[in-house]
């Protein structure tokens, strides 16, 4: 199976704001960013498109489905970004330094107040991938968030979660996972 994990395009929000699962629209640069993504993907043999229900993912997924002239994207809540709970839509600078340090020291297992840990995010991402791999599809495109991509790469490449933060996952970046007879190859197309 060929799996193309696409991070959403630039969100329409100022720098320094914690937005996780908040439903943020795309920035005005969306048409240009979407065209760049399309140019990288146009030649692939398209299977099914899955997407986080967040607006910033859904817009790109719908555009890709239209260009490929395929079925509407399948929305899956397991593809949502990390839930930051009480920190959602707060400026990072306005969150208690003590709380940030406590979370940062153990963000894989520690949840922001009212949110979820990275382990919880990874489990739902793994559940999605397990279900996807059980389907008879040669390729799939998944429009999602950096946290989900990191969680999936960690799982399939058998990397500790904290090592996935070395991956460069820019807005509109594509991570291609190629599954072949039990082996997995990782290619990043972040351009």
Protein backbone atom coordinates (compact mmCIF):
# COMPACT_ATOMS: atom_id res chain seq x y z
CA UNK A 1 0.00 0.00 0.00
CA UNK A 2 1.11 3.53 -0.75
CA UNK A 3 0.08 6.02 1.94
CA UNK A 4 0.42 9.77 1.38
CA UNK A 5 0.11 11.78 4.58
CA UNK A 6 -0.45 15.45 3.81
CA UNK A 7 -0.26 18.17 6.42
CA UNK A 8 -2.90 20.83 5.93
CA UNK A 9 -1.93 24.16 4.38
CA UNK A 10 -1.18 27.30 6.41
CA UNK A 11 -3.98 28.06 8.87
CA UNK A 12 -5.51 31.53 9.17
CA UNK A 13 -4.25 32.27 12.65
CA UNK A 14 -1.52 34.43 14.11
CA UNK A 15 1.77 32.98 15.26
CA UNK A 16 2.10 31.87 18.86
CA UNK A 17 -1.46 30.61 19.38
CA UNK A 18 -2.19 27.06 20.58
CA UNK A 19 -4.96 25.80 18.31
CA UNK A 20 -4.81 21.95 18.22
CA UNK A 21 -8.36 20.76 17.55
CA UNK A 22 -9.85 24.25 17.18
CA UNK A 23 -11.46 24.58 13.76
CA UNK A 24 -9.29 27.18 12.03
CA UNK A 25 -9.82 28.12 8.38
CA UNK A 26 -7.00 28.23 5.82
CA UNK A 27 -4.93 31.31 5.07
CA UNK A 28 -5.31 33.39 1.91
CA UNK A 29 -2.30 31.52 0.49
CA UNK A 30 -4.44 28.36 0.16
CA UNK A 31 -4.82 28.39 -3.66
CA UNK A 32 -1.06 28.61 -4.22
CA UNK A 33 -0.24 26.02 -1.55
CA UNK A 34 -2.93 23.64 -2.83
CA UNK A 35 -1.60 23.93 -6.38
CA UNK A 36 1.90 23.03 -5.18
CA UNK A 37 0.53 19.96 -3.38
CA UNK A 38 -1.46 18.97 -6.46
CA UNK A 39 1.63 19.20 -8.66
CA UNK A 40 3.44 16.76 -6.35
CA UNK A 41 0.52 14.30 -6.28
CA UNK A 42 -1.15 14.57 -9.69
CA UNK A 43 0.68 11.57 -11.16
CA UNK A 44 0.03 9.11 -8.34
CA UNK A 45 -2.53 6.39 -8.74
CA UNK A 46 -5.18 7.69 -6.42
CA UNK A 47 -7.13 5.40 -4.14
CA UNK A 48 -9.24 6.82 -1.35
CA UNK A 49 -8.94 10.22 0.35
CA UNK A 50 -9.32 10.42 4.13
CA UNK A 51 -9.34 13.63 6.10
CA UNK A 52 -9.53 15.14 9.51
CA UNK A 53 -12.89 16.92 9.81
CA UNK A 54 -11.08 20.19 10.59
CA UNK A 55 -11.81 22.87 8.00
CA UNK A 56 -8.10 23.38 7.29
CA UNK A 57 -7.85 19.71 6.21
CA UNK A 58 -11.28 19.23 4.66
CA UNK A 59 -10.84 22.08 2.15
CA UNK A 60 -7.69 20.51 0.73
CA UNK A 61 -9.17 17.00 0.73
CA UNK A 62 -12.24 18.19 -1.20
CA UNK A 63 -10.09 20.03 -3.72
CA UNK A 64 -7.95 16.91 -4.31
CA UNK A 65 -11.07 14.74 -4.74
CA UNK A 66 -12.40 17.22 -7.27
CA UNK A 67 -9.14 17.27 -9.23
CA UNK A 68 -8.87 13.46 -9.23
CA UNK A 69 -12.59 13.23 -9.97
CA UNK A 70 -13.01 10.61 -7.27
CA UNK A 71 -15.37 9.99 -4.37
CA UNK A 72 -15.78 12.62 -1.68
CA UNK A 73 -13.18 12.44 1.09
CA UNK A 74 -13.96 10.26 4.09
CA UNK A 75 -13.91 12.30 7.29
CA UNK A 76 -12.46 10.49 10.29
CA UNK A 77 -12.26 12.04 13.76
CA UNK A 78 -9.25 9.85 14.58
CA UNK A 79 -7.26 12.10 12.23
CA UNK A 80 -7.81 15.21 14.38
CA UNK A 81 -4.84 17.07 15.88
CA UNK A 82 -3.86 16.82 19.54
CA UNK A 83 -6.54 18.22 21.84
CA UNK A 84 -4.94 20.90 23.99
CA UNK A 85 -7.97 21.27 26.28
CA UNK A 86 -7.99 24.54 28.23
CA UNK A 87 -5.01 25.79 26.22
CA UNK A 88 -6.92 25.80 22.91
CA UNK A 89 -6.89 29.29 21.36
CA UNK A 90 -4.64 30.67 24.11
CA UNK A 91 -1.39 32.41 23.27
CA UNK A 92 1.48 30.15 24.31
CA UNK A 93 2.96 33.16 26.15
CA UNK A 94 -0.23 33.43 28.25
CA UNK A 95 -0.08 29.84 29.49
CA UNK A 96 1.61 29.33 32.85
CA UNK A 97 5.31 28.63 32.38
CA UNK A 98 5.13 26.08 35.20
CA UNK A 99 2.27 24.22 33.44
CA UNK A 100 4.12 24.29 30.11
CA UNK A 101 7.32 22.98 31.70
CA UNK A 102 5.44 20.17 33.47
CA UNK A 103 3.72 19.19 30.20
CA UNK A 104 6.92 19.61 28.16
CA UNK A 105 8.86 17.30 30.47
CA UNK A 106 6.41 14.48 29.76
CA UNK A 107 4.20 15.56 26.82
CA UNK A 108 4.01 11.98 25.53
CA UNK A 109 2.17 10.79 28.65
CA UNK A 110 0.99 14.11 30.17
CA UNK A 111 -2.14 15.87 28.94
CA UNK A 112 -2.70 19.62 28.92
CA UNK A 113 -5.55 20.45 31.34
CA UNK A 114 -8.73 18.99 29.83
CA UNK A 115 -6.85 17.75 26.75
CA UNK A 116 -5.16 14.56 25.66
CA UNK A 117 -1.65 13.16 25.72
CA UNK A 118 0.40 12.34 22.66
CA UNK A 119 -0.02 8.64 23.53
CA UNK A 120 -3.80 9.01 23.24
CA UNK A 121 -3.40 10.72 19.87
CA UNK A 122 -1.05 7.95 18.71
CA UNK A 123 -3.49 5.23 19.74
CA UNK A 124 -6.34 6.73 17.71
CA UNK A 125 -3.97 7.24 14.74
CA UNK A 126 -2.84 3.59 15.01
CA UNK A 127 -6.48 2.47 15.12
CA UNK A 128 -7.11 4.42 11.91
CA UNK A 129 -4.09 2.86 10.19
CA UNK A 130 -5.04 -0.66 11.30
CA UNK A 131 -8.52 -0.18 9.81
CA UNK A 132 -7.07 1.30 6.62
CA UNK A 133 -4.63 -1.59 6.15
CA UNK A 134 -7.50 -4.06 6.49
CA UNK A 135 -9.17 -2.54 3.41
CA UNK A 136 -8.37 -3.62 -0.13
CA UNK A 137 -6.78 -0.38 -1.32
CA UNK A 138 -3.47 0.04 -3.14
CA UNK A 139 -3.10 3.70 -2.16
CA UNK A 140 -4.63 6.27 0.15
CA UNK A 141 -4.24 9.98 0.67
CA UNK A 142 -4.72 11.29 4.20
CA UNK A 143 -5.05 15.03 4.85
CA UNK A 144 -4.32 15.60 8.51
CA UNK A 145 -2.14 17.37 11.07
CA UNK A 146 1.51 17.26 12.12
CA UNK A 147 0.73 15.42 15.38
CA UNK A 148 -1.08 12.60 13.58
CA UNK A 149 1.68 12.30 10.99
CA UNK A 150 4.32 12.10 13.72
CA UNK A 151 2.28 9.46 15.57
CA UNK A 152 1.89 7.31 12.45
CA UNK A 153 5.55 7.61 11.45
CA UNK A 154 6.55 6.70 15.00
CA UNK A 155 4.40 3.60 14.86
CA UNK A 156 5.30 2.25 11.41
CA UNK A 157 8.99 3.15 11.58
CA UNK A 158 9.23 1.93 15.19
CA UNK A 159 10.66 5.23 16.41
CA UNK A 160 10.16 6.67 19.88
CA UNK A 161 7.54 9.43 19.66
CA UNK A 162 9.97 12.10 20.84
CA UNK A 163 12.29 11.34 17.88
CA UNK A 164 9.57 12.21 15.36
CA UNK A 165 9.93 15.87 16.26
CA UNK A 166 13.09 15.84 14.14
CA UNK A 167 10.88 15.37 11.06
CA UNK A 168 10.31 18.53 9.04
CA UNK A 169 6.54 18.71 8.60
CA UNK A 170 5.82 22.05 6.99
CA UNK A 171 2.36 23.16 5.98
CA UNK A 172 1.41 21.30 2.82
CA UNK A 173 4.24 18.82 3.30
CA UNK A 174 3.76 15.25 2.13
CA UNK A 175 5.05 12.16 3.90
CA UNK A 176 4.91 9.05 1.72
CA UNK A 177 4.90 5.67 3.44
CA UNK A 178 5.33 2.70 1.13
CA UNK A 179 4.35 -0.67 2.63
CA UNK A 180 5.78 -3.69 0.81
CA UNK A 181 5.85 -7.23 2.22
CA UNK A 182 6.23 -6.11 5.82
CA UNK A 183 8.84 -3.44 5.05
CA UNK A 184 8.07 0.27 5.19
CA UNK A 185 9.90 3.02 3.31
CA UNK A 186 9.55 6.68 4.32
CA UNK A 187 9.92 9.55 1.86
CA UNK A 188 9.22 13.19 2.71
CA UNK A 189 8.13 15.51 -0.07
CA UNK A 190 8.20 18.80 1.76
CA UNK A 191 9.82 20.67 -1.12
